[in-house]
Amino acid sequence: IQPKNNGGHGSLRSGLDAWHRKAEGKA
């Protein structure tokens, strides 16, 4: 998910990196 930052929107990059962190080494 592309995040929302301080009322605005974050980048696609930051959202994709967050999901890689959620999954890596767990799946």
mmCIF file of all heavy atoms, coordinates in Angstrom:
data_MODEL
# 
_entry.id   MODEL 
# 
loop_
_atom_site.group_PDB 
_atom_site.id 
_atom_site.type_symbol 
_atom_site.label_atom_id 
_atom_site.label_alt_id 
_atom_site.label_comp_id 
_atom_site.label_asym_id 
_atom_site.label_entity_id 
_atom_site.label_seq_id 
_atom_site.pdbx_PDB_ins_code 
_atom_site.Cartn_x 
_atom_site.Cartn_y 
_atom_site.Cartn_z 
_atom_site.occupancy 
_atom_site.B_iso_or_equiv 
_atom_site.pdbx_formal_charge 
_atom_site.auth_seq_id 
_atom_site.auth_comp_id 
_atom_site.auth_asym_id 
_atom_site.auth_atom_id 
_atom_site.pdbx_PDB_model_num 
ATOM 1   N N   . ILE A 1 1  ? 0.832  -1.211  0.000  1.00 0.00 ? 1  ILE A N   1 
ATOM 2   C CA  . ILE A 1 1  ? 0.000  0.000   0.000  1.00 0.00 ? 1  ILE A CA  1 
ATOM 3   C C   . ILE A 1 1  ? 0.865  1.259   0.000  1.00 0.00 ? 1  ILE A C   1 
ATOM 4   O O   . ILE A 1 1  ? 1.754  1.412   0.847  1.00 0.00 ? 1  ILE A O   1 
ATOM 5   C CB  . ILE A 1 1  ? -0.937 0.023   1.230  1.00 0.00 ? 1  ILE A CB  1 
ATOM 6   C CG1 . ILE A 1 1  ? -1.785 -1.254  1.293  1.00 0.00 ? 1  ILE A CG1 1 
ATOM 7   C CG2 . ILE A 1 1  ? -1.839 1.256   1.187  1.00 0.00 ? 1  ILE A CG2 1 
ATOM 8   C CD1 . ILE A 1 1  ? -2.656 -1.337  2.534  1.00 0.00 ? 1  ILE A CD1 1 
ATOM 9   N N   . GLN A 1 2  ? 0.590  2.149   -0.930 1.00 0.00 ? 2  GLN A N   1 
ATOM 10  C CA  . GLN A 1 2  ? 1.197  3.480   -0.901 1.00 0.00 ? 2  GLN A CA  1 
ATOM 11  C C   . GLN A 1 2  ? 0.736  4.178   0.372  1.00 0.00 ? 2  GLN A C   1 
ATOM 12  O O   . GLN A 1 2  ? -0.468 4.340   0.600  1.00 0.00 ? 2  GLN A O   1 
ATOM 13  C CB  . GLN A 1 2  ? 0.766  4.279   -2.132 1.00 0.00 ? 2  GLN A CB  1 
ATOM 14  C CG  . GLN A 1 2  ? 1.300  5.704   -2.176 1.00 0.00 ? 2  GLN A CG  1 
ATOM 15  C CD  . GLN A 1 2  ? 0.631  6.527   -3.268 1.00 0.00 ? 2  GLN A CD  1 
ATOM 16  O OE1 . GLN A 1 2  ? -0.231 6.048   -4.008 1.00 0.00 ? 2  GLN A OE1 1 
ATOM 17  N NE2 . GLN A 1 2  ? 1.017  7.787   -3.369 1.00 0.00 ? 2  GLN A NE2 1 
ATOM 18  N N   . PRO A 1 3  ? 1.642  4.600   1.254  1.00 0.00 ? 3  PRO A N   1 
ATOM 19  C CA  . PRO A 1 3  ? 1.226  5.133   2.560  1.00 0.00 ? 3  PRO A CA  1 
ATOM 20  C C   . PRO A 1 3  ? 0.805  6.593   2.498  1.00 0.00 ? 3  PRO A C   1 
ATOM 21  O O   . PRO A 1 3  ? 1.087  7.307   1.524  1.00 0.00 ? 3  PRO A O   1 
ATOM 22  C CB  . PRO A 1 3  ? 2.501  4.982   3.403  1.00 0.00 ? 3  PRO A CB  1 
ATOM 23  C CG  . PRO A 1 3  ? 3.597  5.188   2.390  1.00 0.00 ? 3  PRO A CG  1 
ATOM 24  C CD  . PRO A 1 3  ? 3.104  4.559   1.105  1.00 0.00 ? 3  PRO A CD  1 
ATOM 25  N N   . LYS A 1 4  ? 0.141  7.000   3.570  1.00 0.00 ? 4  LYS A N   1 
ATOM 26  C CA  . LYS A 1 4  ? -0.151 8.411   3.767  1.00 0.00 ? 4  LYS A CA  1 
ATOM 27  C C   . LYS A 1 4  ? 0.814  8.947   4.825  1.00 0.00 ? 4  LYS A C   1 
ATOM 28  O O   . LYS A 1 4  ? 0.992  8.344   5.870  1.00 0.00 ? 4  LYS A O   1 
ATOM 29  C CB  . LYS A 1 4  ? -1.589 8.610   4.231  1.00 0.00 ? 4  LYS A CB  1 
ATOM 30  C CG  . LYS A 1 4  ? -2.613 8.289   3.158  1.00 0.00 ? 4  LYS A CG  1 
ATOM 31  C CD  . LYS A 1 4  ? -3.998 8.709   3.584  1.00 0.00 ? 4  LYS A CD  1 
ATOM 32  C CE  . LYS A 1 4  ? -4.982 8.573   2.436  1.00 0.00 ? 4  LYS A CE  1 
ATOM 33  N NZ  . LYS A 1 4  ? -6.328 9.055   2.801  1.00 0.00 ? 4  LYS A NZ  1 
ATOM 34  N N   . ASN A 1 5  ? 1.432  10.088  4.537  1.00 0.00 ? 5  ASN A N   1 
ATOM 35  C CA  . ASN A 1 5  ? 2.400  10.665  5.461  1.00 0.00 ? 5  ASN A CA  1 
ATOM 36  C C   . ASN A 1 5  ? 1.966  12.072  5.851  1.00 0.00 ? 5  ASN A C   1 
ATOM 37  O O   . ASN A 1 5  ? 1.875  12.966  5.006  1.00 0.00 ? 5  ASN A O   1 
ATOM 38  C CB  . ASN A 1 5  ? 3.792  10.735  4.815  1.00 0.00 ? 5  ASN A CB  1 
ATOM 39  C CG  . ASN A 1 5  ? 4.343  9.354   4.501  1.00 0.00 ? 5  ASN A CG  1 
ATOM 40  O OD1 . ASN A 1 5  ? 4.070  8.409   5.214  1.00 0.00 ? 5  ASN A OD1 1 
ATOM 41  N ND2 . ASN A 1 5  ? 5.121  9.253   3.429  1.00 0.00 ? 5  ASN A ND2 1 
ATOM 42  N N   . ASN A 1 6  ? 1.675  12.254  7.128  1.00 0.00 ? 6  ASN A N   1 
ATOM 43  C CA  . ASN A 1 6  ? 1.333  13.579  7.645  1.00 0.00 ? 6  ASN A CA  1 
ATOM 44  C C   . ASN A 1 6  ? 0.232  14.261  6.843  1.00 0.00 ? 6  ASN A C   1 
ATOM 45  O O   . ASN A 1 6  ? 0.314  15.440  6.514  1.00 0.00 ? 6  ASN A O   1 
ATOM 46  C CB  . ASN A 1 6  ? 2.581  14.472  7.671  1.00 0.00 ? 6  ASN A CB  1 
ATOM 47  C CG  . ASN A 1 6  ? 3.688  13.895  8.525  1.00 0.00 ? 6  ASN A CG  1 
ATOM 48  O OD1 . ASN A 1 6  ? 3.418  13.365  9.611  1.00 0.00 ? 6  ASN A OD1 1 
ATOM 49  N ND2 . ASN A 1 6  ? 4.927  13.983  8.059  1.00 0.00 ? 6  ASN A ND2 1 
ATOM 50  N N   . GLY A 1 7  ? -0.781 13.462  6.515  1.00 0.00 ? 7  GLY A N   1 
ATOM 51  C CA  . GLY A 1 7  ? -1.916 14.016  5.794  1.00 0.00 ? 7  GLY A CA  1 
ATOM 52  C C   . GLY A 1 7  ? -1.751 13.993  4.295  1.00 0.00 ? 7  GLY A C   1 
ATOM 53  O O   . GLY A 1 7  ? -2.708 14.168  3.560  1.00 0.00 ? 7  GLY A O   1 
ATOM 54  N N   . GLY A 1 8  ? -0.522 13.791  3.811  1.00 0.00 ? 8  GLY A N   1 
ATOM 55  C CA  . GLY A 1 8  ? -0.290 13.664  2.392  1.00 0.00 ? 8  GLY A CA  1 
ATOM 56  C C   . GLY A 1 8  ? -0.042 12.214  2.045  1.00 0.00 ? 8  GLY A C   1 
ATOM 57  O O   . GLY A 1 8  ? -0.330 11.317  2.830  1.00 0.00 ? 8  GLY A O   1 
ATOM 58  N N   . HIS A 1 9  ? 0.506  11.985  0.882  1.00 0.00 ? 9  HIS A N   1 
ATOM 59  C CA  . HIS A 1 9  ? 0.755  10.625  0.435  1.00 0.00 ? 9  HIS A CA  1 
ATOM 60  C C   . HIS A 1 9  ? 2.235  10.365  0.269  1.00 0.00 ? 9  HIS A C   1 
ATOM 61  O O   . HIS A 1 9  ? 2.982  11.221  -0.200 1.00 0.00 ? 9  HIS A O   1 
ATOM 62  C CB  . HIS A 1 9  ? 0.038  10.355  -0.888 1.00 0.00 ? 9  HIS A CB  1 
ATOM 63  C CG  . HIS A 1 9  ? -1.433 10.192  -0.735 1.00 0.00 ? 9  HIS A CG  1 
ATOM 64  N ND1 . HIS A 1 9  ? -2.280 11.263  -0.645 1.00 0.00 ? 9  HIS A ND1 1 
ATOM 65  C CD2 . HIS A 1 9  ? -2.199 9.084   -0.618 1.00 0.00 ? 9  HIS A CD2 1 
ATOM 66  C CE1 . HIS A 1 9  ? -3.524 10.828  -0.512 1.00 0.00 ? 9  HIS A CE1 1 
ATOM 67  N NE2 . HIS A 1 9  ? -3.504 9.519   -0.487 1.00 0.00 ? 9  HIS A NE2 1 
ATOM 68  N N   . GLY A 1 10 ? 2.646  9.185   0.673  1.00 0.00 ? 10 GLY A N   1 
ATOM 69  C CA  . GLY A 1 10 ? 4.016  8.776   0.486  1.00 0.00 ? 10 GLY A CA  1 
ATOM 70  C C   . GLY A 1 10 ? 4.230  8.202   -0.894 1.00 0.00 ? 10 GLY A C   1 
ATOM 71  O O   . GLY A 1 10 ? 3.334  8.161   -1.735 1.00 0.00 ? 10 GLY A O   1 
ATOM 72  N N   . SER A 1 11 ? 5.420  7.747   -1.117 1.00 0.00 ? 11 SER A N   1 
ATOM 73  C CA  . SER A 1 11 ? 5.781  7.227   -2.427 1.00 0.00 ? 11 SER A CA  1 
ATOM 74  C C   . SER A 1 11 ? 5.391  5.763   -2.563 1.00 0.00 ? 11 SER A C   1 
ATOM 75  O O   . SER A 1 11 ? 5.197  5.054   -1.571 1.00 0.00 ? 11 SER A O   1 
ATOM 76  C CB  . SER A 1 11 ? 7.292  7.372   -2.638 1.00 0.00 ? 11 SER A CB  1 
ATOM 77  O OG  . SER A 1 11 ? 7.993  6.552   -1.703 1.00 0.00 ? 11 SER A OG  1 
ATOM 78  N N   . LEU A 1 12 ? 5.302  5.311   -3.809 1.00 0.00 ? 12 LEU A N   1 
ATOM 79  C CA  . LEU A 1 12 ? 5.126  3.881   -4.048 1.00 0.00 ? 12 LEU A CA  1 
ATOM 80  C C   . LEU A 1 12 ? 6.317  3.106   -3.484 1.00 0.00 ? 12 LEU A C   1 
ATOM 81  O O   . LEU A 1 12 ? 6.171  2.016   -2.939 1.00 0.00 ? 12 LEU A O   1 
ATOM 82  C CB  . LEU A 1 12 ? 4.984  3.604   -5.544 1.00 0.00 ? 12 LEU A CB  1 
ATOM 83  C CG  . LEU A 1 12 ? 3.856  4.320   -6.300 1.00 0.00 ? 12 LEU A CG  1 
ATOM 84  C CD1 . LEU A 1 12 ? 3.796  3.806   -7.745 1.00 0.00 ? 12 LEU A CD1 1 
ATOM 85  C CD2 . LEU A 1 12 ? 2.520  4.148   -5.613 1.00 0.00 ? 12 LEU A CD2 1 
ATOM 86  N N   . ARG A 1 13 ? 7.515  3.700   -3.633 1.00 0.00 ? 13 ARG A N   1 
ATOM 87  C CA  . ARG A 1 13 ? 8.732  3.049   -3.144 1.00 0.00 ? 13 ARG A CA  1 
ATOM 88  C C   . ARG A 1 13 ? 8.643  2.731   -1.658 1.00 0.00 ? 13 ARG A C   1 
ATOM 89  O O   . ARG A 1 13 ? 8.981  1.631   -1.214 1.00 0.00 ? 13 ARG A O   1 
ATOM 90  C CB  . ARG A 1 13 ? 9.919  3.972   -3.416 1.00 0.00 ? 13 ARG A CB  1 
ATOM 91  C CG  . ARG A 1 13 ? 11.237 3.615   -2.759 1.00 0.00 ? 13 ARG A CG  1 
ATOM 92  C CD  . ARG A 1 13 ? 12.006 2.648   -3.613 1.00 0.00 ? 13 ARG A CD  1 
ATOM 93  N NE  . ARG A 1 13 ? 11.627 1.279   -3.373 1.00 0.00 ? 13 ARG A NE  1 
ATOM 94  C CZ  . ARG A 1 13 ? 11.682 0.318   -4.304 1.00 0.00 ? 13 ARG A CZ  1 
ATOM 95  N NH1 . ARG A 1 13 ? 12.046 0.602   -5.521 1.00 0.00 ? 13 ARG A NH1 1 
ATOM 96  N NH2 . ARG A 1 13 ? 11.333 -0.900  -4.013 1.00 0.00 ? 13 ARG A NH2 1 
ATOM 97  N N   . SER A 1 14 ? 8.200  3.696   -0.856 1.00 0.00 ? 14 SER A N   1 
ATOM 98  C CA  . SER A 1 14 ? 8.142  3.481   0.591  1.00 0.00 ? 14 SER A CA  1 
ATOM 99  C C   . SER A 1 14 ? 7.122  2.407   0.943  1.00 0.00 ? 14 SER A C   1 
ATOM 100 O O   . SER A 1 14 ? 7.335  1.595   1.852  1.00 0.00 ? 14 SER A O   1 
ATOM 101 C CB  . SER A 1 14 ? 7.826  4.784   1.329  1.00 0.00 ? 14 SER A CB  1 
ATOM 102 O OG  . SER A 1 14 ? 6.588  5.329   0.903  1.00 0.00 ? 14 SER A OG  1 
ATOM 103 N N   . GLY A 1 15 ? 6.001  2.365   0.201  1.00 0.00 ? 15 GLY A N   1 
ATOM 104 C CA  . GLY A 1 15 ? 5.011  1.324   0.454  1.00 0.00 ? 15 GLY A CA  1 
ATOM 105 C C   . GLY A 1 15 ? 5.521  -0.048  0.090  1.00 0.00 ? 15 GLY A C   1 
ATOM 106 O O   . GLY A 1 15 ? 5.342  -1.019  0.843  1.00 0.00 ? 15 GLY A O   1 
ATOM 107 N N   . LEU A 1 16 ? 6.189  -0.154  -1.060 1.00 0.00 ? 16 LEU A N   1 
ATOM 108 C CA  . LEU A 1 16 ? 6.709  -1.444  -1.483 1.00 0.00 ? 16 LEU A CA  1 
ATOM 109 C C   . LEU A 1 16 ? 7.807  -1.934  -0.544 1.00 0.00 ? 16 LEU A C   1 
ATOM 110 O O   . LEU A 1 16 ? 7.849  -3.120  -0.165 1.00 0.00 ? 16 LEU A O   1 
ATOM 111 C CB  . LEU A 1 16 ? 7.241  -1.337  -2.914 1.00 0.00 ? 16 LEU A CB  1 
ATOM 112 C CG  . LEU A 1 16 ? 7.726  -2.619  -3.575 1.00 0.00 ? 16 LEU A CG  1 
ATOM 113 C CD1 . LEU A 1 16 ? 6.650  -3.703  -3.557 1.00 0.00 ? 16 LEU A CD1 1 
ATOM 114 C CD2 . LEU A 1 16 ? 8.186  -2.342  -5.003 1.00 0.00 ? 16 LEU A CD2 1 
ATOM 115 N N   . ASP A 1 17 ? 8.676  -1.027  -0.112 1.00 0.00 ? 17 ASP A N   1 
ATOM 116 C CA  . ASP A 1 17 ? 9.735  -1.408  0.826  1.00 0.00 ? 17 ASP A CA  1 
ATOM 117 C C   . ASP A 1 17 ? 9.141  -1.908  2.147  1.00 0.00 ? 17 ASP A C   1 
ATOM 118 O O   . ASP A 1 17 ? 9.653  -2.863  2.745  1.00 0.00 ? 17 ASP A O   1 
ATOM 119 C CB  . ASP A 1 17 ? 10.654 -0.227  1.099  1.00 0.00 ? 17 ASP A CB  1 
ATOM 120 C CG  . ASP A 1 17 ? 11.590 0.075   -0.072 1.00 0.00 ? 17 ASP A CG  1 
ATOM 121 O OD1 . ASP A 1 17 ? 11.679 -0.767  -0.991 1.00 0.00 ? 17 ASP A OD1 1 
ATOM 122 O OD2 . ASP A 1 17 ? 12.205 1.156   -0.061 1.00 0.00 ? 17 ASP A OD2 1 
ATOM 123 N N   . ALA A 1 18 ? 8.069  -1.267  2.592  1.00 0.00 ? 18 ALA A N   1 
ATOM 124 C CA  . ALA A 1 18 ? 7.429  -1.696  3.844  1.00 0.00 ? 18 ALA A CA  1 
ATOM 125 C C   . ALA A 1 18 ? 6.908  -3.117  3.731  1.00 0.00 ? 18 ALA A C   1 
ATOM 126 O O   . ALA A 1 18 ? 7.039  -3.918  4.670  1.00 0.00 ? 18 ALA A O   1 
ATOM 127 C CB  . ALA A 1 18 ? 6.298  -0.735  4.207  1.00 0.00 ? 18 ALA A CB  1 
ATOM 128 N N   . TRP A 1 19 ? 6.328  -3.460  2.575  1.00 0.00 ? 19 TRP A N   1 
ATOM 129 C CA  . TRP A 1 19 ? 5.791  -4.825  2.411  1.00 0.00 ? 19 TRP A CA  1 
ATOM 130 C C   . TRP A 1 19 ? 6.915  -5.858  2.251  1.00 0.00 ? 19 TRP A C   1 
ATOM 131 O O   . TRP A 1 19 ? 6.793  -6.980  2.727  1.00 0.00 ? 19 TRP A O   1 
ATOM 132 C CB  . TRP A 1 19 ? 4.791  -4.868  1.265  1.00 0.00 ? 19 TRP A CB  1 
ATOM 133 C CG  . TRP A 1 19 ? 3.395  -5.016  1.823  1.00 0.00 ? 19 TRP A CG  1 
ATOM 134 C CD1 . TRP A 1 19 ? 2.628  -6.141  1.851  1.00 0.00 ? 19 TRP A CD1 1 
ATOM 135 C CD2 . TRP A 1 19 ? 2.624  -4.002  2.491  1.00 0.00 ? 19 TRP A CD2 1 
ATOM 136 N NE1 . TRP A 1 19 ? 1.427  -5.896  2.489  1.00 0.00 ? 19 TRP A NE1 1 
ATOM 137 C CE2 . TRP A 1 19 ? 1.395  -4.599  2.881  1.00 0.00 ? 19 TRP A CE2 1 
ATOM 138 C CE3 . TRP A 1 19 ? 2.844  -2.655  2.794  1.00 0.00 ? 19 TRP A CE3 1 
ATOM 139 C CZ2 . TRP A 1 19 ? 0.407  -3.888  3.565  1.00 0.00 ? 19 TRP A CZ2 1 
ATOM 140 C CZ3 . TRP A 1 19 ? 1.853  -1.954  3.460  1.00 0.00 ? 19 TRP A CZ3 1 
ATOM 141 C CH2 . TRP A 1 19 ? 0.658  -2.568  3.841  1.00 0.00 ? 19 TRP A CH2 1 
ATOM 142 N N   . HIS A 1 20 ? 7.995  -5.474  1.641  1.00 0.00 ? 20 HIS A N   1 
ATOM 143 C CA  . HIS A 1 20 ? 9.143  -6.389  1.602  1.00 0.00 ? 20 HIS A CA  1 
ATOM 144 C C   . HIS A 1 20 ? 9.626  -6.694  3.022  1.00 0.00 ? 20 HIS A C   1 
ATOM 145 O O   . HIS A 1 20 ? 9.945  -7.845  3.337  1.00 0.00 ? 20 HIS A O   1 
ATOM 146 C CB  . HIS A 1 20 ? 10.279 -5.789  0.773  1.00 0.00 ? 20 HIS A CB  1 
ATOM 147 C CG  . HIS A 1 20 ? 10.153 -6.014  -0.703 1.00 0.00 ? 20 HIS A CG  1 
ATOM 148 N ND1 . HIS A 1 20 ? 10.171 -7.278  -1.264 1.00 0.00 ? 20 HIS A ND1 1 
ATOM 149 C CD2 . HIS A 1 20 ? 10.014 -5.135  -1.734 1.00 0.00 ? 20 HIS A CD2 1 
ATOM 150 C CE1 . HIS A 1 20 ? 10.065 -7.169  -2.582 1.00 0.00 ? 20 HIS A CE1 1 
ATOM 151 N NE2 . HIS A 1 20 ? 9.960  -5.886  -2.896 1.00 0.00 ? 20 HIS A NE2 1 
ATOM 152 N N   . ARG A 1 21 ? 9.648  -5.681  3.875  1.00 0.00 ? 21 ARG A N   1 
ATOM 153 C CA  . ARG A 1 21 ? 10.084 -5.904  5.266  1.00 0.00 ? 21 ARG A CA  1 
ATOM 154 C C   . ARG A 1 21 ? 9.114  -6.804  6.009  1.00 0.00 ? 21 ARG A C   1 
ATOM 155 O O   . ARG A 1 21 ? 9.513  -7.644  6.833  1.00 0.00 ? 21 ARG A O   1 
ATOM 156 C CB  . ARG A 1 21 ? 10.238 -4.570  5.999  1.00 0.00 ? 21 ARG A CB  1 
ATOM 157 C CG  . ARG A 1 21 ? 11.436 -3.753  5.540  1.00 0.00 ? 21 ARG A CG  1 
ATOM 158 C CD  . ARG A 1 21 ? 11.703 -2.596  6.486  1.00 0.00 ? 21 ARG A CD  1 
ATOM 159 N NE  . ARG A 1 21 ? 10.614 -1.636  6.523  1.00 0.00 ? 21 ARG A NE  1 
ATOM 160 C CZ  . ARG A 1 21 ? 10.512 -0.582  5.727  1.00 0.00 ? 21 ARG A CZ  1 
ATOM 161 N NH1 . ARG A 1 21 ? 11.443 -0.346  4.803  1.00 0.00 ? 21 ARG A NH1 1 
ATOM 162 N NH2 . ARG A 1 21 ? 9.487  0.263   5.836  1.00 0.00 ? 21 ARG A NH2 1 
ATOM 163 N N   . LYS A 1 22 ? 7.812  -6.650  5.728  1.00 0.00 ? 22 LYS A N   1 
ATOM 164 C CA  . LYS A 1 22 ? 6.814  -7.491  6.391  1.00 0.00 ? 22 LYS A CA  1 
ATOM 165 C C   . LYS A 1 22 ? 6.992  -8.974  6.031  1.00 0.00 ? 22 LYS A C   1 
ATOM 166 O O   . LYS A 1 22 ? 6.742  -9.857  6.847  1.00 0.00 ? 22 LYS A O   1 
ATOM 167 C CB  . LYS A 1 22 ? 5.398  -7.055  5.983  1.00 0.00 ? 22 LYS A CB  1 
ATOM 168 C CG  . LYS A 1 22 ? 4.925  -5.717  6.546  1.00 0.00 ? 22 LYS A CG  1 
ATOM 169 C CD  . LYS A 1 22 ? 3.595  -5.353  5.909  1.00 0.00 ? 22 LYS A CD  1 
ATOM 170 C CE  . LYS A 1 22 ? 3.108  -3.966  6.321  1.00 0.00 ? 22 LYS A CE  1 
ATOM 171 N NZ  . LYS A 1 22 ? 2.482  -3.965  7.646  1.00 0.00 ? 22 LYS A NZ  1 
ATOM 172 N N   . ALA A 1 23 ? 7.393  -9.234  4.778  1.00 0.00 ? 23 ALA A N   1 
ATOM 173 C CA  . ALA A 1 23 ? 7.379  -10.608 4.258  1.00 0.00 ? 23 ALA A CA  1 
ATOM 174 C C   . ALA A 1 23 ? 8.721  -11.313 4.342  1.00 0.00 ? 23 ALA A C   1 
ATOM 175 O O   . ALA A 1 23 ? 8.773  -12.533 4.552  1.00 0.00 ? 23 ALA A O   1 
ATOM 176 C CB  . ALA A 1 23 ? 6.914  -10.591 2.802  1.00 0.00 ? 23 ALA A CB  1 
ATOM 177 N N   . GLU A 1 24 ? 9.807  -10.574 4.164  1.00 0.00 ? 24 GLU A N   1 
ATOM 178 C CA  . GLU A 1 24 ? 11.113 -11.199 3.997  1.00 0.00 ? 24 GLU A CA  1 
ATOM 179 C C   . GLU A 1 24 ? 11.497 -12.039 5.216  1.00 0.00 ? 24 GLU A C   1 
ATOM 180 O O   . GLU A 1 24 ? 11.434 -11.574 6.359  1.00 0.00 ? 24 GLU A O   1 
ATOM 181 C CB  . GLU A 1 24 ? 12.182 -10.143 3.733  1.00 0.00 ? 24 GLU A CB  1 
ATOM 182 C CG  . GLU A 1 24 ? 13.510 -10.722 3.315  1.00 0.00 ? 24 GLU A CG  1 
ATOM 183 C CD  . GLU A 1 24 ? 14.495 -9.654  2.869  1.00 0.00 ? 24 GLU A CD  1 
ATOM 184 O OE1 . GLU A 1 24 ? 14.148 -8.458  2.936  1.00 0.00 ? 24 GLU A OE1 1 
ATOM 185 O OE2 . GLU A 1 24 ? 15.596 -10.021 2.452  1.00 0.00 ? 24 GLU A OE2 1 
ATOM 186 N N   . GLY A 1 25 ? 11.877 -13.278 4.970  1.00 0.00 ? 25 GLY A N   1 
ATOM 187 C CA  . GLY A 1 25 ? 12.309 -14.167 6.036  1.00 0.00 ? 25 GLY A CA  1 
ATOM 188 C C   . GLY A 1 25 ? 11.189 -14.782 6.842  1.00 0.00 ? 25 GLY A C   1 
ATOM 189 O O   . GLY A 1 25 ? 11.441 -15.543 7.777  1.00 0.00 ? 25 GLY A O   1 
ATOM 190 N N   . LYS A 1 26 ? 9.931  -14.489 6.483  1.00 0.00 ? 26 LYS A N   1 
ATOM 191 C CA  . LYS A 1 26 ? 8.784  -15.004 7.237  1.00 0.00 ? 26 LYS A CA  1 
ATOM 192 C C   . LYS A 1 26 ? 7.942  -15.997 6.454  1.00 0.00 ? 26 LYS A C   1 
ATOM 193 O O   . LYS A 1 26 ? 7.372  -16.926 7.028  1.00 0.00 ? 26 LYS A O   1 
ATOM 194 C CB  . LYS A 1 26 ? 7.889  -13.846 7.687  1.00 0.00 ? 26 LYS A CB  1 
ATOM 195 C CG  . LYS A 1 26 ? 8.490  -12.931 8.725  1.00 0.00 ? 26 LYS A CG  1 
ATOM 196 C CD  . LYS A 1 26 ? 7.482  -11.857 9.125  1.00 0.00 ? 26 LYS A CD  1 
ATOM 197 C CE  . LYS A 1 26 ? 8.054  -10.927 10.180 1.00 0.00 ? 26 LYS A CE  1 
ATOM 198 N NZ  . LYS A 1 26 ? 7.089  -9.857  10.562 1.00 0.00 ? 26 LYS A NZ  1 
ATOM 199 N N   . ALA A 1 27 ? 7.849  -15.804 5.153  1.00 0.00 ? 27 ALA A N   1 
ATOM 200 C CA  . ALA A 1 27 ? 6.847  -16.528 4.372  1.00 0.00 ? 27 ALA A CA  1 
ATOM 201 C C   . ALA A 1 27 ? 7.197  -18.009 4.246  1.00 0.00 ? 27 ALA A C   1 
ATOM 202 O O   . ALA A 1 27 ? 8.347  -18.389 4.028  1.00 0.00 ? 27 ALA A O   1 
ATOM 203 C CB  . ALA A 1 27 ? 6.709  -15.906 2.987  1.00 0.00 ? 27 ALA A CB  1 
# 
